[in-house]
Amino acid sequence: MTKKLTAVITREEKWYVAHCLELGVVSQGKTIEKAMANLKEAVELYLESFGIKDIPKTSGEVILSPLEVAVGR
């Protein structure tokens, strides 16, 4: 069985940090591909430990947009 989850990757200096939004699992890698592979492994280990019964449902649609805000008024 497979389950679709949402991953968000950000660049943090020399590392890519990958977050699984539904589970709060985080991993990292030197490349996007390595960060995703590490996140996949971390999520699979998480699910082995805690089970899959409480995974929140995802809409399957992800929309990312830059956000600019005023600071230091």
N, C-alpha and C. Protein backbone atom coordinates (compact mmCIF):
# COMPACT_ATOMS: atom_id res chain seq x y z
N MET A 1 0.85 -1.17 0.00
CA MET A 1 0.00 0.00 0.00
C MET A 1 0.90 1.24 0.00
N THR A 2 0.48 2.26 -0.69
CA THR A 2 1.19 3.53 -0.67
C THR A 2 0.25 4.63 -0.18
N LYS A 3 0.84 5.69 0.31
CA LYS A 3 0.08 6.85 0.80
C LYS A 3 0.76 8.10 0.28
N LYS A 4 0.00 9.04 -0.25
CA LYS A 4 0.56 10.30 -0.72
C LYS A 4 0.57 11.31 0.42
N LEU A 5 1.74 11.89 0.64
CA LEU A 5 1.92 12.91 1.66
C LEU A 5 2.55 14.14 1.01
N THR A 6 2.67 15.21 1.75
CA THR A 6 3.21 16.45 1.22
C THR A 6 4.60 16.71 1.78
N ALA A 7 5.55 16.95 0.88
CA ALA A 7 6.91 17.29 1.29
C ALA A 7 7.22 18.71 0.83
N VAL A 8 7.84 19.47 1.71
CA VAL A 8 8.31 20.82 1.38
C VAL A 8 9.82 20.83 1.63
N ILE A 9 10.56 21.34 0.65
CA ILE A 9 12.02 21.39 0.77
C ILE A 9 12.47 22.84 0.77
N THR A 10 13.31 23.17 1.72
CA THR A 10 13.89 24.51 1.80
C THR A 10 15.42 24.39 1.79
N ARG A 11 16.06 25.44 1.35
CA ARG A 11 17.52 25.47 1.33
C ARG A 11 17.98 26.18 2.59
N GLU A 12 18.83 25.52 3.36
CA GLU A 12 19.38 26.08 4.60
C GLU A 12 20.90 26.05 4.49
N GLU A 13 21.49 27.14 4.05
CA GLU A 13 22.92 27.24 3.81
C GLU A 13 23.38 26.13 2.86
N LYS A 14 24.14 25.14 3.34
CA LYS A 14 24.68 24.10 2.46
C LYS A 14 23.79 22.87 2.37
N TRP A 15 22.67 22.85 3.07
CA TRP A 15 21.81 21.67 3.13
C TRP A 15 20.42 21.98 2.59
N TYR A 16 19.76 20.96 2.08
CA TYR A 16 18.34 21.02 1.76
C TYR A 16 17.61 20.31 2.90
N VAL A 17 16.58 20.96 3.42
CA VAL A 17 15.81 20.41 4.53
C VAL A 17 14.42 20.05 4.00
N ALA A 18 14.03 18.80 4.20
CA ALA A 18 12.75 18.30 3.71
C ALA A 18 11.82 18.03 4.88
N HIS A 19 10.59 18.54 4.78
CA HIS A 19 9.58 18.41 5.84
C HIS A 19 8.38 17.65 5.28
N CYS A 20 7.89 16.66 6.02
CA CYS A 20 6.61 16.03 5.69
C CYS A 20 5.56 16.77 6.52
N LEU A 21 4.71 17.52 5.84
CA LEU A 21 3.77 18.40 6.54
C LEU A 21 2.77 17.64 7.41
N GLU A 22 2.25 16.53 6.92
CA GLU A 22 1.22 15.81 7.66
C GLU A 22 1.74 15.18 8.95
N LEU A 23 3.00 14.74 8.96
CA LEU A 23 3.53 14.01 10.11
C LEU A 23 4.51 14.81 10.95
N GLY A 24 5.02 15.92 10.42
CA GLY A 24 6.01 16.69 11.15
C GLY A 24 7.40 16.06 11.13
N VAL A 25 7.63 15.11 10.23
CA VAL A 25 8.93 14.46 10.10
C VAL A 25 9.83 15.34 9.25
N VAL A 26 11.10 15.47 9.65
CA VAL A 26 12.06 16.32 8.96
C VAL A 26 13.34 15.53 8.71
N SER A 27 13.95 15.77 7.55
CA SER A 27 15.25 15.20 7.24
C SER A 27 16.01 16.19 6.38
N GLN A 28 17.24 15.84 5.99
CA GLN A 28 18.04 16.76 5.19
C GLN A 28 18.98 16.00 4.27
N GLY A 29 19.57 16.73 3.33
CA GLY A 29 20.56 16.15 2.43
C GLY A 29 21.31 17.25 1.71
N LYS A 30 22.44 16.89 1.13
CA LYS A 30 23.26 17.87 0.39
C LYS A 30 22.63 18.24 -0.94
N THR A 31 21.73 17.39 -1.47
CA THR A 31 21.02 17.68 -2.71
C THR A 31 19.52 17.51 -2.45
N ILE A 32 18.71 18.04 -3.36
CA ILE A 32 17.26 17.86 -3.23
C ILE A 32 16.91 16.38 -3.26
N GLU A 33 17.53 15.66 -4.17
CA GLU A 33 17.25 14.23 -4.30
C GLU A 33 17.60 13.47 -3.03
N LYS A 34 18.75 13.80 -2.43
CA LYS A 34 19.16 13.12 -1.20
C LYS A 34 18.25 13.50 -0.03
N ALA A 35 17.84 14.76 0.03
CA ALA A 35 16.91 15.19 1.09
C ALA A 35 15.59 14.44 0.97
N MET A 36 15.09 14.29 -0.26
CA MET A 36 13.83 13.56 -0.47
C MET A 36 13.99 12.08 -0.11
N ALA A 37 15.10 11.47 -0.52
CA ALA A 37 15.33 10.06 -0.20
C ALA A 37 15.42 9.87 1.31
N ASN A 38 16.13 10.78 1.99
CA ASN A 38 16.25 10.69 3.45
C ASN A 38 14.90 10.90 4.13
N LEU A 39 14.09 11.82 3.60
CA LEU A 39 12.76 12.05 4.16
C LEU A 39 11.89 10.83 3.97
N LYS A 40 11.94 10.23 2.81
CA LYS A 40 11.14 9.02 2.55
C LYS A 40 11.50 7.92 3.55
N GLU A 41 12.80 7.72 3.77
CA GLU A 41 13.24 6.72 4.74
C GLU A 41 12.76 7.07 6.15
N ALA A 42 12.89 8.35 6.53
CA ALA A 42 12.46 8.78 7.86
C ALA A 42 10.96 8.60 8.06
N VAL A 43 10.17 8.91 7.04
CA VAL A 43 8.71 8.74 7.12
C VAL A 43 8.36 7.26 7.24
N GLU A 44 9.02 6.42 6.46
CA GLU A 44 8.74 4.97 6.54
C GLU A 44 9.07 4.43 7.93
N LEU A 45 10.19 4.87 8.51
CA LEU A 45 10.54 4.45 9.87
C LEU A 45 9.53 4.97 10.89
N TYR A 46 9.09 6.21 10.71
CA TYR A 46 8.08 6.79 11.59
C TYR A 46 6.79 5.95 11.54
N LEU A 47 6.37 5.61 10.34
CA LEU A 47 5.13 4.84 10.20
C LEU A 47 5.27 3.43 10.75
N GLU A 48 6.46 2.83 10.63
CA GLU A 48 6.70 1.52 11.23
C GLU A 48 6.56 1.59 12.75
N SER A 49 7.04 2.69 13.32
CA SER A 49 7.01 2.84 14.77
C SER A 49 5.63 3.22 15.31
N PHE A 50 4.95 4.13 14.61
CA PHE A 50 3.71 4.70 15.15
C PHE A 50 2.45 4.28 14.41
N GLY A 51 2.58 3.59 13.28
CA GLY A 51 1.42 3.14 12.53
C GLY A 51 0.88 4.19 11.59
N ILE A 52 -0.11 3.78 10.80
CA ILE A 52 -0.66 4.68 9.79
C ILE A 52 -2.10 5.09 10.07
N LYS A 53 -2.64 4.70 11.20
CA LYS A 53 -4.05 4.98 11.44
C LYS A 53 -4.38 6.46 11.65
N ASP A 54 -3.40 7.24 12.09
CA ASP A 54 -3.68 8.64 12.42
C ASP A 54 -3.08 9.64 11.44
N ILE A 55 -2.85 9.24 10.19
CA ILE A 55 -2.29 10.15 9.20
C ILE A 55 -3.39 11.11 8.75
N PRO A 56 -3.18 12.41 8.90
CA PRO A 56 -4.19 13.37 8.41
C PRO A 56 -4.33 13.26 6.89
N LYS A 57 -5.53 13.48 6.41
CA LYS A 57 -5.75 13.47 4.97
C LYS A 57 -5.21 14.75 4.35
N THR A 58 -4.68 14.62 3.15
CA THR A 58 -4.17 15.77 2.42
C THR A 58 -5.05 16.02 1.21
N SER A 59 -5.14 17.25 0.79
CA SER A 59 -5.96 17.58 -0.37
C SER A 59 -5.29 17.15 -1.67
N GLY A 60 -3.98 16.90 -1.61
CA GLY A 60 -3.26 16.51 -2.81
C GLY A 60 -2.81 17.69 -3.64
N GLU A 61 -3.22 18.89 -3.28
CA GLU A 61 -2.85 20.08 -4.03
C GLU A 61 -1.96 20.95 -3.16
N VAL A 62 -0.81 21.32 -3.69
CA VAL A 62 0.12 22.17 -2.96
C VAL A 62 0.35 23.43 -3.78
N ILE A 63 0.17 24.57 -3.14
CA ILE A 63 0.39 25.85 -3.80
C ILE A 63 1.40 26.62 -2.95
N LEU A 64 2.53 26.94 -3.55
CA LEU A 64 3.55 27.72 -2.87
C LEU A 64 3.68 29.07 -3.56
N SER A 65 3.86 30.09 -2.76
CA SER A 65 3.99 31.43 -3.32
C SER A 65 4.89 32.25 -2.41
N PRO A 66 5.77 33.05 -3.00
CA PRO A 66 6.56 33.95 -2.15
C PRO A 66 5.62 34.93 -1.43
N LEU A 67 6.02 35.30 -0.23
CA LEU A 67 5.23 36.25 0.56
C LEU A 67 6.15 37.35 1.05
N GLU A 68 5.83 38.57 0.70
CA GLU A 68 6.64 39.71 1.13
C GLU A 68 5.85 40.51 2.15
N VAL A 69 6.48 40.78 3.31
CA VAL A 69 5.80 41.52 4.38
C VAL A 69 6.68 42.68 4.83
N ALA A 70 6.05 43.70 5.37
CA ALA A 70 6.77 44.85 5.91
C ALA A 70 7.29 44.49 7.30
N VAL A 71 8.52 44.89 7.59
CA VAL A 71 9.09 44.65 8.93
C VAL A 71 9.78 45.92 9.39
N GLY A 72 9.92 46.07 10.68
CA GLY A 72 10.65 47.21 11.25
C GLY A 72 10.03 48.57 10.99
N ARG A 73 8.75 48.68 11.16
CA ARG A 73 8.07 49.96 10.93
C ARG A 73 8.45 50.98 11.93
